[in-house]
C-alpha atoms as a PDB file:
ATOM      1  CA  MET A   1     156.903-113.350 101.026  1.00  0.00           C
ATOM      2  CA  LYS A   2     159.723-115.439 100.153  1.00  0.00           C
ATOM      3  CA  MET A   3     161.822-117.113 103.175  1.00  0.00           C
ATOM      4  CA  LYS A   4     164.548-115.403 103.947  1.00  0.00           C
ATOM      5  CA  ALA A   5     168.105-116.278 105.891  1.00  0.00           C
ATOM      6  CA  ARG A   6     166.988-114.616 109.125  1.00  0.00           C
ATOM      7  CA  CYS A   7     163.309-116.079 109.409  1.00  0.00           C
ATOM      8  CA  ALA A   8     165.098-119.497 109.926  1.00  0.00           C
ATOM      9  CA  PRO A   9     166.551-118.715 113.623  1.00  0.00           C
ATOM     10  CA  CYS A  10     163.227-116.722 114.378  1.00  0.00           C
ATOM     11  CA  LEU A  11     161.090-119.599 113.255  1.00  0.00           C
ATOM     12  CA  LEU A  12     162.950-121.887 115.343  1.00  0.00           C
ATOM     13  CA  ASN A  13     162.973-119.667 118.234  1.00  0.00           C
ATOM     14  CA  ARG A  14     158.834-119.807 117.963  1.00  0.00           C
ATOM     15  CA  VAL A  15     159.155-124.040 118.232  1.00  0.00           C
ATOM     16  CA  LEU A  16     161.429-123.472 120.896  1.00  0.00           C
ATOM     17  CA  PHE A  17     158.678-121.349 122.738  1.00  0.00           C
ATOM     18  CA  GLU A  18     155.897-123.201 122.149  1.00  0.00           C
ATOM     19  CA  SER A  19     157.475-126.261 122.921  1.00  0.00           C
ATOM     20  CA  SER A  20     157.990-124.658 126.489  1.00  0.00           C
ATOM     21  CA  LEU A  21     154.620-123.888 126.736  1.00  0.00           C
ATOM     22  CA  VAL A  22     153.747-127.657 126.458  1.00  0.00           C
ATOM     23  CA  THR A  23     156.509-129.200 128.453  1.00  0.00           C
ATOM     24  CA  LYS A  24     159.322-128.140 130.993  1.00  0.00           C
ATOM     25  CA  ASP A  25     161.377-131.608 130.229  1.00  0.00           C
ATOM     26  CA  GLU A  26     164.287-130.241 128.649  1.00  0.00           C
ATOM     27  CA  LYS A  27     164.970-133.826 126.912  1.00  0.00           C
ATOM     28  CA  LYS A  28     161.631-133.332 125.361  1.00  0.00           C
ATOM     29  CA  ILE A  29     162.235-129.967 124.624  1.00  0.00           C
ATOM     30  CA  SER A  30     165.543-131.070 122.747  1.00  0.00           C
ATOM     31  CA  TYR A  31     163.950-133.872 121.296  1.00  0.00           C
ATOM     32  CA  VAL A  32     161.600-131.883 119.154  1.00  0.00           C
ATOM     33  CA  MET A  33     164.432-129.426 118.305  1.00  0.00           C
ATOM     34  CA  GLY A  34     166.576-131.683 117.001  1.00  0.00           C
ATOM     35  CA  ASN A  35     163.766-133.276 114.746  1.00  0.00           C
ATOM     36  CA  VAL A  36     162.608-129.882 113.620  1.00  0.00           C
ATOM     37  CA  LEU A  37     166.288-128.988 112.780  1.00  0.00           C
ATOM     38  CA  LYS A  38     166.393-131.987 110.830  1.00  0.00           C
ATOM     39  CA  ARG A  39     162.900-131.074 108.818  1.00  0.00           C
ATOM     40  CA  MET A  40     164.113-127.430 108.423  1.00  0.00           C
ATOM     41  CA  ALA A  41     167.092-128.676 106.632  1.00  0.00           C
ATOM     42  CA  GLU A  42     165.322-130.779 104.054  1.00  0.00           C
ATOM     43  CA  ILE A  43     162.580-128.069 103.297  1.00  0.00           C
ATOM     44  CA  TYR A  44     164.285-124.870 103.805  1.00  0.00           C
ATOM     45  CA  SER A  45     164.173-123.130 100.367  1.00  0.00           C
ATOM     46  CA  ASP A  46     164.331-119.482  99.089  1.00  0.00           C
ATOM     47  CA  LYS A  47     162.161-120.239  96.602  1.00  0.00           C
ATOM     48  CA  LYS A  48     159.491-121.201  98.907  1.00  0.00           C
ATOM     49  CA  SER A  49     156.936-118.803 100.718  1.00  0.00           C
ATOM     50  CA  SER A  50     157.746-118.180 104.430  1.00  0.00           C
ATOM     51  CA  ALA A  51     154.334-119.194 105.458  1.00  0.00           C
ATOM     52  CA  GLU A  52     154.362-122.247 103.614  1.00  0.00           C
ATOM     53  CA  ILE A  53     157.574-123.184 105.459  1.00  0.00           C
ATOM     54  CA  ALA A  54     156.158-121.905 109.035  1.00  0.00           C
ATOM     55  CA  THR A  55     153.365-124.168 108.037  1.00  0.00           C
ATOM     56  CA  GLU A  56     155.041-127.208 107.806  1.00  0.00           C
ATOM     57  CA  ILE A  57     157.207-126.837 110.486  1.00  0.00           C
ATOM     58  CA  HIS A  58     154.575-125.726 113.330  1.00  0.00           C
ATOM     59  CA  GLY A  59     152.539-128.617 112.335  1.00  0.00           C
ATOM     60  CA  TYR A  60     155.445-131.015 112.631  1.00  0.00           C
ATOM     61  CA  ALA A  61     156.355-129.397 116.137  1.00  0.00           C
ATOM     62  CA  TYR A  62     152.556-129.875 117.116  1.00  0.00           C
ATOM     63  CA  GLU A  63     152.911-133.342 116.137  1.00  0.00           C
ATOM     64  CA  LEU A  64     156.032-134.041 117.992  1.00  0.00           C
ATOM     65  CA  LEU A  65     154.369-132.091 121.429  1.00  0.00           C
ATOM     66  CA  GLY A  66     151.754-133.937 121.164  1.00  0.00           C
ATOM     67  CA  SER A  67     149.348-130.800 121.356  1.00  0.00           C
ATOM     68  CA  LYS A  68     146.867-129.558 118.787  1.00  0.00           C
ATOM     69  CA  ASP A  69     146.636-126.139 120.481  1.00  0.00           C
ATOM     70  CA  PRO A  70     150.026-124.936 122.454  1.00  0.00           C
ATOM     71  CA  TYR A  71     149.234-121.413 122.972  1.00  0.00           C
ATOM     72  CA  LYS A  72     145.501-121.977 124.058  1.00  0.00           C
ATOM     73  CA  ASP A  73     145.917-120.438 127.300  1.00  0.00           C
ATOM     74  CA  LEU A  74     147.850-117.416 126.119  1.00  0.00           C
ATOM     75  CA  LYS A  75     145.170-117.023 123.529  1.00  0.00           C
ATOM     76  CA  GLU A  76     142.546-116.827 126.618  1.00  0.00           C
ATOM     77  CA  LYS A  77     144.616-114.444 128.775  1.00  0.00           C
ATOM     78  CA  SER A  78     145.262-112.148 125.717  1.00  0.00           C
ATOM     79  CA  ASN A  79     141.770-111.827 125.210  1.00  0.00           C
ATOM     80  CA  GLU A  80     140.764-111.578 128.554  1.00  0.00           C
ATOM     81  CA  ILE A  81     142.993-108.383 128.915  1.00  0.00           C
ATOM     82  CA  ALA A  82     142.086-107.009 126.061  1.00  0.00           C
ATOM     83  CA  LEU A  83     138.737-107.078 127.025  1.00  0.00           C
ATOM     84  CA  GLN A  84     139.497-104.935 129.827  1.00  0.00           C
ATOM     85  CA  LEU A  85     140.774-102.717 127.450  1.00  0.00           C
ATOM     86  CA  ILE A  86     137.745-101.863 125.327  1.00  0.00           C
ATOM     87  CA  PRO A  87     136.430 -99.146 127.590  1.00  0.00           C
ATOM     88  CA  LYS A  88     140.034 -96.962 126.909  1.00  0.00           C
ATOM     89  CA  ALA A  89     139.664 -97.993 123.250  1.00  0.00           C
ATOM     90  CA  ARG A  90     135.769 -96.990 122.857  1.00  0.00           C
ATOM     91  CA  GLU A  91     136.298 -93.794 124.666  1.00  0.00           C
ATOM     92  CA  PHE A  92     139.251 -92.885 122.063  1.00  0.00           C
ATOM     93  CA  ILE A  93     137.128 -93.756 119.141  1.00  0.00           C
ATOM     94  CA  GLU A  94     134.350 -91.535 120.420  1.00  0.00           C
ATOM     95  CA  LYS A  95     136.657 -88.530 120.769  1.00  0.00           C
ATOM     96  CA  SER A  96     138.257 -89.246 117.344  1.00  0.00           C
ATOM     97  CA  GLU A  97     137.045 -87.268 114.350  1.00  0.00           C
ATOM     98  CA  ASP A  98     137.808 -90.389 112.143  1.00  0.00           C
ATOM     99  CA  LYS A  99     136.363 -93.101 113.935  1.00  0.00           C
ATOM    100  CA  LEU A 100     136.676 -96.130 111.450  1.00  0.00           C
ATOM    101  CA  LYS A 101     140.622 -94.873 111.572  1.00  0.00           C
ATOM    102  CA  ALA A 102     140.647 -94.938 115.493  1.00  0.00           C
ATOM    103  CA  ALA A 103     139.428 -98.415 115.624  1.00  0.00           C
ATOM    104  CA  ILE A 104     141.767 -99.483 113.089  1.00  0.00           C
ATOM    105  CA  LEU A 105     144.589 -98.450 114.973  1.00  0.00           C
ATOM    106  CA  CYS A 106     143.692 -99.908 118.431  1.00  0.00           C
ATOM    107  CA  SER A 107     143.467-103.360 116.402  1.00  0.00           C
ATOM    108  CA  ILE A 108     147.327-102.448 115.097  1.00  0.00           C
ATOM    109  CA  ALA A 109     148.152-101.742 118.650  1.00  0.00           C
ATOM    110  CA  GLY A 110     146.613-105.024 119.181  1.00  0.00           C
ATOM    111  CA  ASN A 111     148.754-106.590 116.662  1.00  0.00           C
ATOM    112  CA  SER A 112     151.557-106.087 119.016  1.00  0.00           C
ATOM    113  CA  ILE A 113     150.966-109.266 120.793  1.00  0.00           C
ATOM    114  CA  ASP A 114     152.688-111.927 119.024  1.00  0.00           C
ATOM    115  CA  PHE A 115     154.617-114.438 121.516  1.00  0.00           C
ATOM    116  CA  GLY A 116     157.928-115.941 120.779  1.00  0.00           C
ATOM    117  CA  ILE A 117     158.846-113.208 118.035  1.00  0.00           C
ATOM    118  CA  ALA A 118     161.496-110.683 118.930  1.00  0.00           C
ATOM    119  CA  GLY A 119     160.260-107.222 118.907  1.00  0.00           C
ATOM    120  CA  SER A 120     156.902-108.112 119.980  1.00  0.00           C
ATOM    121  CA  ALA A 121     154.942-108.482 123.448  1.00  0.00           C
ATOM    122  CA  SER A 122     156.188-111.615 125.292  1.00  0.00           C
ATOM    123  CA  LYS A 123     152.898-111.714 127.422  1.00  0.00           C
ATOM    124  CA  PRO A 124     149.360-110.804 127.303  1.00  0.00           C
ATOM    125  CA  GLU A 125     150.499-108.423 130.409  1.00  0.00           C
ATOM    126  CA  GLU A 126     152.159-106.052 127.967  1.00  0.00           C
ATOM    127  CA  LEU A 127     149.406-104.905 125.462  1.00  0.00           C
ATOM    128  CA  ALA A 128     147.731-103.246 128.809  1.00  0.00           C
ATOM    129  CA  ASN A 129     151.044-101.483 129.475  1.00  0.00           C
ATOM    130  CA  LYS A 130     151.822-100.613 126.068  1.00  0.00           C
ATOM    131  CA  PHE A 131     148.309 -99.852 124.598  1.00  0.00           C
ATOM    132  CA  GLU A 132     148.179 -96.503 125.205  1.00  0.00           C
ATOM    133  CA  GLU A 133     151.983 -96.103 123.643  1.00  0.00           C
ATOM    134  CA  TYR A 134     151.020 -97.779 120.466  1.00  0.00           C
ATOM    135  CA  ILE A 135     148.167 -95.812 120.180  1.00  0.00           C
ATOM    136  CA  LYS A 136     150.026 -92.485 120.291  1.00  0.00           C
ATOM    137  CA  GLN A 137     152.375 -93.352 117.524  1.00  0.00           C
ATOM    138  CA  GLY A 138     149.547 -93.258 115.559  1.00  0.00           C
ATOM    139  CA  LEU A 139     149.876 -94.668 111.858  1.00  0.00           C
ATOM    140  CA  TYR A 140     153.177 -94.220 109.926  1.00  0.00           C
ATOM    141  CA  HIS A 141     151.833 -95.422 106.805  1.00  0.00           C
ATOM    142  CA  ASP A 142     148.059 -94.476 106.684  1.00  0.00           C
ATOM    143  CA  ASP A 143     146.079 -95.524 103.124  1.00  0.00           C
ATOM    144  CA  VAL A 144     142.810 -95.433 105.714  1.00  0.00           C
ATOM    145  CA  ASP A 145     141.057 -92.472 103.481  1.00  0.00           C
ATOM    146  CA  GLU A 146     142.089 -94.237 100.154  1.00  0.00           C
ATOM    147  CA  MET A 147     141.075 -98.225 101.516  1.00  0.00           C
ATOM    148  CA  LYS A 148     137.218 -96.062 102.280  1.00  0.00           C
ATOM    149  CA  LYS A 149     136.760 -95.705  98.747  1.00  0.00           C
ATOM    150  CA  TYR A 150     136.256 -99.711  97.919  1.00  0.00           C
ATOM    151  CA  LEU A 151     134.219-100.092 101.036  1.00  0.00           C
ATOM    152  CA  LYS A 152     131.132-101.343  99.134  1.00  0.00           C
ATOM    153  CA  GLY A 153     129.387-104.392  98.074  1.00  0.00           C
ATOM    154  CA  SER A 154     131.686-107.353  99.540  1.00  0.00           C
ATOM    155  CA  VAL A 155     134.157-106.968 101.842  1.00  0.00           C
ATOM    156  CA  LEU A 156     136.405-109.657 103.401  1.00  0.00           C
ATOM    157  CA  TYR A 157     138.165-109.078 106.872  1.00  0.00           C
ATOM    158  CA  PHE A 158     140.971-111.746 107.505  1.00  0.00           C
ATOM    159  CA  THR A 159     141.637-112.070 111.433  1.00  0.00           C
ATOM    160  CA  ASP A 160     144.947-112.547 112.987  1.00  0.00           C
ATOM    161  CA  ASN A 161     145.703-113.249 116.519  1.00  0.00           C
ATOM    162  CA  CYS A 162     143.781-113.576 119.831  1.00  0.00           C
ATOM    163  CA  GLY A 163     143.909-110.464 121.787  1.00  0.00           C
ATOM    164  CA  GLU A 164     143.730-108.043 119.079  1.00  0.00           C
ATOM    165  CA  ILE A 165     140.591-110.027 117.708  1.00  0.00           C
ATOM    166  CA  VAL A 166     138.617-108.079 120.576  1.00  0.00           C
ATOM    167  CA  PHE A 167     139.862-104.851 118.914  1.00  0.00           C
ATOM    168  CA  ASP A 168     138.689-106.068 115.845  1.00  0.00           C
ATOM    169  CA  LYS A 169     135.103-106.273 116.384  1.00  0.00           C
ATOM    170  CA  LEU A 170     135.532-102.535 117.025  1.00  0.00           C
ATOM    171  CA  VAL A 171     136.439-102.202 113.794  1.00  0.00           C
ATOM    172  CA  CYS A 172     133.670-104.297 112.098  1.00  0.00           C
ATOM    173  CA  GLU A 173     131.082-102.619 114.145  1.00  0.00           C
ATOM    174  CA  ILE A 174     132.501 -99.280 112.427  1.00  0.00           C
ATOM    175  CA  LEU A 175     132.385-100.980 108.918  1.00  0.00           C
ATOM    176  CA  LYS A 176     128.837-102.076 109.191  1.00  0.00           C
ATOM    177  CA  GLY A 177     128.002 -98.213 108.981  1.00  0.00           C
ATOM    178  CA  TYR A 178     129.078 -98.539 105.439  1.00  0.00           C
ATOM    179  CA  ASP A 179     127.087-100.006 102.592  1.00  0.00           C
ATOM    180  CA  ILE A 180     128.790-103.467 102.581  1.00  0.00           C
ATOM    181  CA  HIS A 181     128.233-107.196 102.667  1.00  0.00           C
ATOM    182  CA  LEU A 182     131.055-108.029 105.385  1.00  0.00           C
ATOM    183  CA  THR A 183     132.325-111.488 105.806  1.00  0.00           C
ATOM    184  CA  LEU A 184     135.091-112.311 108.477  1.00  0.00           C
ATOM    185  CA  VAL A 185     137.324-114.971 107.918  1.00  0.00           C
ATOM    186  CA  CYS A 186     139.105-116.807 111.004  1.00  0.00           C
ATOM    187  CA  LYS A 187     140.818-119.964 111.482  1.00  0.00           C
ATOM    188  CA  LYS A 188     139.082-123.280 111.471  1.00  0.00           C
ATOM    189  CA  TYR A 189     142.181-125.049 113.637  1.00  0.00           C
ATOM    190  CA  PRO A 190     144.346-123.596 116.157  1.00  0.00           C
ATOM    191  CA  ILE A 191     147.938-122.650 114.852  1.00  0.00           C
ATOM    192  CA  LEU A 192     149.801-120.287 117.012  1.00  0.00           C
ATOM    193  CA  THR A 193     147.937-117.664 118.476  1.00  0.00           C
ATOM    194  CA  ASP A 194     145.623-116.851 115.614  1.00  0.00           C
ATOM    195  CA  ALA A 195     141.932-116.778 116.351  1.00  0.00           C
ATOM    196  CA  THR A 196     139.703-119.443 115.294  1.00  0.00           C
ATOM    197  CA  TYR A 197     135.960-120.246 114.601  1.00  0.00           C
ATOM    198  CA  ASP A 198     135.469-120.699 118.571  1.00  0.00           C
ATOM    199  CA  ASP A 199     137.202-117.684 119.641  1.00  0.00           C
ATOM    200  CA  VAL A 200     135.186-115.476 116.919  1.00  0.00           C
ATOM    201  CA  LYS A 201     131.836-117.254 118.538  1.00  0.00           C
ATOM    202  CA  LYS A 202     132.609-116.613 121.975  1.00  0.00           C
ATOM    203  CA  LEU A 203     133.124-113.119 121.561  1.00  0.00           C
ATOM    204  CA  ARG A 204     129.651-112.825 119.141  1.00  0.00           C
ATOM    205  CA  PHE A 205     130.911-111.442 116.296  1.00  0.00           C
ATOM    206  CA  GLU A 206     127.655-112.380 114.425  1.00  0.00           C
ATOM    207  CA  GLU A 207     126.493-108.932 116.172  1.00  0.00           C
ATOM    208  CA  VAL A 208     128.866-106.848 113.486  1.00  0.00           C
ATOM    209  CA  VAL A 209     129.279-108.873 110.380  1.00  0.00           C
ATOM    210  CA  ASP A 210     126.876-110.535 107.726  1.00  0.00           C
ATOM    211  CA  GLU A 211     128.742-114.021 107.585  1.00  0.00           C
ATOM    212  CA  ILE A 212     131.795-115.840 109.369  1.00  0.00           C
ATOM    213  CA  ILE A 213     133.656-118.531 107.199  1.00  0.00           C
ATOM    214  CA  THR A 214     136.995-120.228 108.049  1.00  0.00           C
ATOM    215  CA  THR A 215     140.530-120.373 106.222  1.00  0.00           C
ATOM    216  CA  GLY A 216     139.972-124.036 106.288  1.00  0.00           C
ATOM    217  CA  LYS A 217     143.172-126.203 106.142  1.00  0.00           C
ATOM    218  CA  PHE A 218     145.910-125.973 109.216  1.00  0.00           C
ATOM    219  CA  ALA A 219     148.205-122.884 107.881  1.00  0.00           C
ATOM    220  CA  VAL A 220     150.068-120.207 109.025  1.00  0.00           C
ATOM    221  CA  GLY A 221     148.462-117.138 107.101  1.00  0.00           C
ATOM    222  CA  ILE A 222     146.256-119.169 104.409  1.00  0.00           C
ATOM    223  CA  ASP A 223     147.123-122.373 102.406  1.00  0.00           C
ATOM    224  CA  PHE A 224     145.207-120.892  99.131  1.00  0.00           C
ATOM    225  CA  TYR A 225     144.939-124.894  97.772  1.00  0.00           C
ATOM    226  CA  GLY A 226     143.351-125.536 100.894  1.00  0.00           C
ATOM    227  CA  ILE A 227     140.211-123.405 100.876  1.00  0.00           C
ATOM    228  CA  SER A 228     137.221-123.876 100.606  1.00  0.00           C
ATOM    229  CA  GLU A 229     135.370-123.128  96.840  1.00  0.00           C
ATOM    230  CA  LYS A 230     133.043-120.829  98.454  1.00  0.00           C
ATOM    231  CA  LEU A 231     136.028-118.827  99.631  1.00  0.00           C
ATOM    232  CA  LYS A 232     137.738-119.100  96.463  1.00  0.00           C
ATOM    233  CA  ARG A 233     134.806-117.392  95.051  1.00  0.00           C
ATOM    234  CA  LYS A 234     134.380-114.492  97.441  1.00  0.00           C
ATOM    235  CA  LEU A 235     137.915-114.031  97.308  1.00  0.00           C
ATOM    236  CA  GLN A 236     137.856-113.393  93.326  1.00  0.00           C
ATOM    237  CA  GLU A 237     134.532-111.207  93.497  1.00  0.00           C
ATOM    238  CA  ALA A 238     135.760-108.981  96.383  1.00  0.00           C
ATOM    239  CA  ASN A 239     135.450-105.538  96.366  1.00  0.00           C
ATOM    240  CA  LEU A 240     138.101-104.911  99.416  1.00  0.00           C
ATOM    241  CA  ILE A 241     140.330-107.742 101.176  1.00  0.00           C
ATOM    242  CA  ILE A 242     141.322-106.371 104.824  1.00  0.00           C
ATOM    243  CA  CYS A 243     144.064-108.587 106.258  1.00  0.00           C
ATOM    244  CA  LYS A 244     145.315-108.561 109.622  1.00  0.00           C
ATOM    245  CA  GLY A 245     148.877-108.993 110.858  1.00  0.00           C
ATOM    246  CA  MET A 246     152.225-110.523 109.232  1.00  0.00           C
ATOM    247  CA  ALA A 247     151.459-113.563 108.495  1.00  0.00           C
ATOM    248  CA  ASN A 248     148.339-112.933 106.318  1.00  0.00           C
ATOM    249  CA  TYR A 249     150.926-110.455 104.647  1.00  0.00           C
ATOM    250  CA  GLU A 250     153.071-113.635 103.996  1.00  0.00           C
ATOM    251  CA  ALA A 251     150.714-115.638 102.628  1.00  0.00           C
ATOM    252  CA  PHE A 252     148.430-113.111 100.629  1.00  0.00           C
ATOM    253  CA  SER A 253     152.063-111.530  98.988  1.00  0.00           C
ATOM    254  CA  GLU A 254     152.378-114.442  97.322  1.00  0.00           C
ATOM    255  CA  ALA A 255     148.868-114.313  95.622  1.00  0.00           C
ATOM    256  CA  ASN A 256     147.234-111.675  93.420  1.00  0.00           C
ATOM    257  CA  TYR A 257     144.224-110.766  95.113  1.00  0.00           C
ATOM    258  CA  LYS A 258     143.363-106.912  95.038  1.00  0.00           C
ATOM    259  CA  PRO A 259     142.193-104.390  95.901  1.00  0.00           C
ATOM    260  CA  ILE A 260     143.695-105.798  99.488  1.00  0.00           C
ATOM    261  CA  ALA A 261     144.305-103.614 102.592  1.00  0.00           C
ATOM    262  CA  TYR A 262     147.218-104.862 105.181  1.00  0.00           C
ATOM    263  CA  LEU A 263     146.769-103.520 108.655  1.00  0.00           C
ATOM    264  CA  MET A 264     149.308-104.368 111.287  1.00  0.00           C
ATOM    265  CA  ARG A 265     152.452-103.450 113.102  1.00  0.00           C
ATOM    266  CA  ILE A 266     155.349-103.899 111.132  1.00  0.00           C
ATOM    267  CA  LYS A 267     157.743-106.429 114.101  1.00  0.00           C
ATOM    268  CA  CYS A 268     160.252-108.077 111.761  1.00  0.00           C
ATOM    269  CA  GLN A 269     162.985-107.133 109.424  1.00  0.00           C
ATOM    270  CA  SER A 270     161.754-109.432 106.888  1.00  0.00           C
ATOM    271  CA  ILE A 271     158.576-107.720 106.498  1.00  0.00           C
ATOM    272  CA  ALA A 272     159.962-104.336 106.832  1.00  0.00           C
ATOM    273  CA  GLU A 273     162.246-105.236 103.630  1.00  0.00           C
ATOM    274  CA  ALA A 274     159.340-106.881 101.699  1.00  0.00           C
ATOM    275  CA  ILE A 275     156.691-103.798 102.383  1.00  0.00           C
ATOM    276  CA  GLU A 276     159.416-101.158 101.928  1.00  0.00           C
ATOM    277  CA  LEU A 277     158.795 -99.643 105.518  1.00  0.00           C
ATOM    278  CA  PRO A 278     160.565 -99.177 108.478  1.00  0.00           C
ATOM    279  CA  ALA A 279     160.089-101.939 111.047  1.00  0.00           C
ATOM    280  CA  GLY A 280     158.302-100.764 114.547  1.00  0.00           C
ATOM    281  CA  ILE A 281     155.533 -99.158 112.851  1.00  0.00           C
ATOM    282  CA  ASN A 282     151.621 -99.215 112.420  1.00  0.00           C
ATOM    283  CA  VAL A 283     150.625 -99.661 109.050  1.00  0.00           C
ATOM    284  CA  VAL A 284     147.411 -99.522 106.502  1.00  0.00           C
ATOM    285  CA  LYS A 285     149.053-100.520 103.560  1.00  0.00           C
ATOM    286  CA  LEU A 286     146.220-100.513 100.421  1.00  0.00           C
ATOM    287  CA  TYR A 287     147.400-102.359  96.803  1.00  0.00           C
ATOM    288  CA  LYS A 288     145.075-101.534  94.303  1.00  0.00           C
END
């Protein structure tokens, strides 16, 4: 997805939010924001992808803040609260006729967490309060049945945020009932609230997937120039690519990998316009 004008203030608000997680010193925050504004002016272009610009801006902000993981405490709290919701999610899945669809809906409800972005949960506790509400909304756009036709051979599952990663494990558990080789792809380095290899290992994903690999470079979504040869090959050979969250959509929509299924809650107007669906909905959209 290309950078849009409204993405700039959103990105700056995110930097302001993560700065406040690291320090309460207003002078330090002003210093960070001033320098980030200068960098934004230098690199901003509607010809570049939003993920590419966000990667550079967040990388620079982390450097100025002197922090490798500003969201560390929030990520841990998000996982903790999500784990408390697992019995409720399992009950919902067990009572559903289509267990895969139900598990996916739970994971999309978890995708409501995206700190520092307007229209998303602002603190981990909101997930507990709104989980059932998001589940009841169902899937506004539902390509799950079409997606099932591609569940054979090699399937890649790209994760997004902590918190929702807990529900992704339920999805992977059910996916493994299909005749597939399931590879989970997570972040190597901390960026925003994204789940890293360490987060995935703590949740014991090796119990429900065949393989775990990382995206490699520090990047919002994925930097296709920084991935391993192994991941390049897997992307080219995959029978299906499953992508969670908006950042993965921003990155993958600039590439030509298919078939690809996006699983997310649309939380911003720019994504809504790009994917041609309303904001504030749960979506599973397949591109064949």
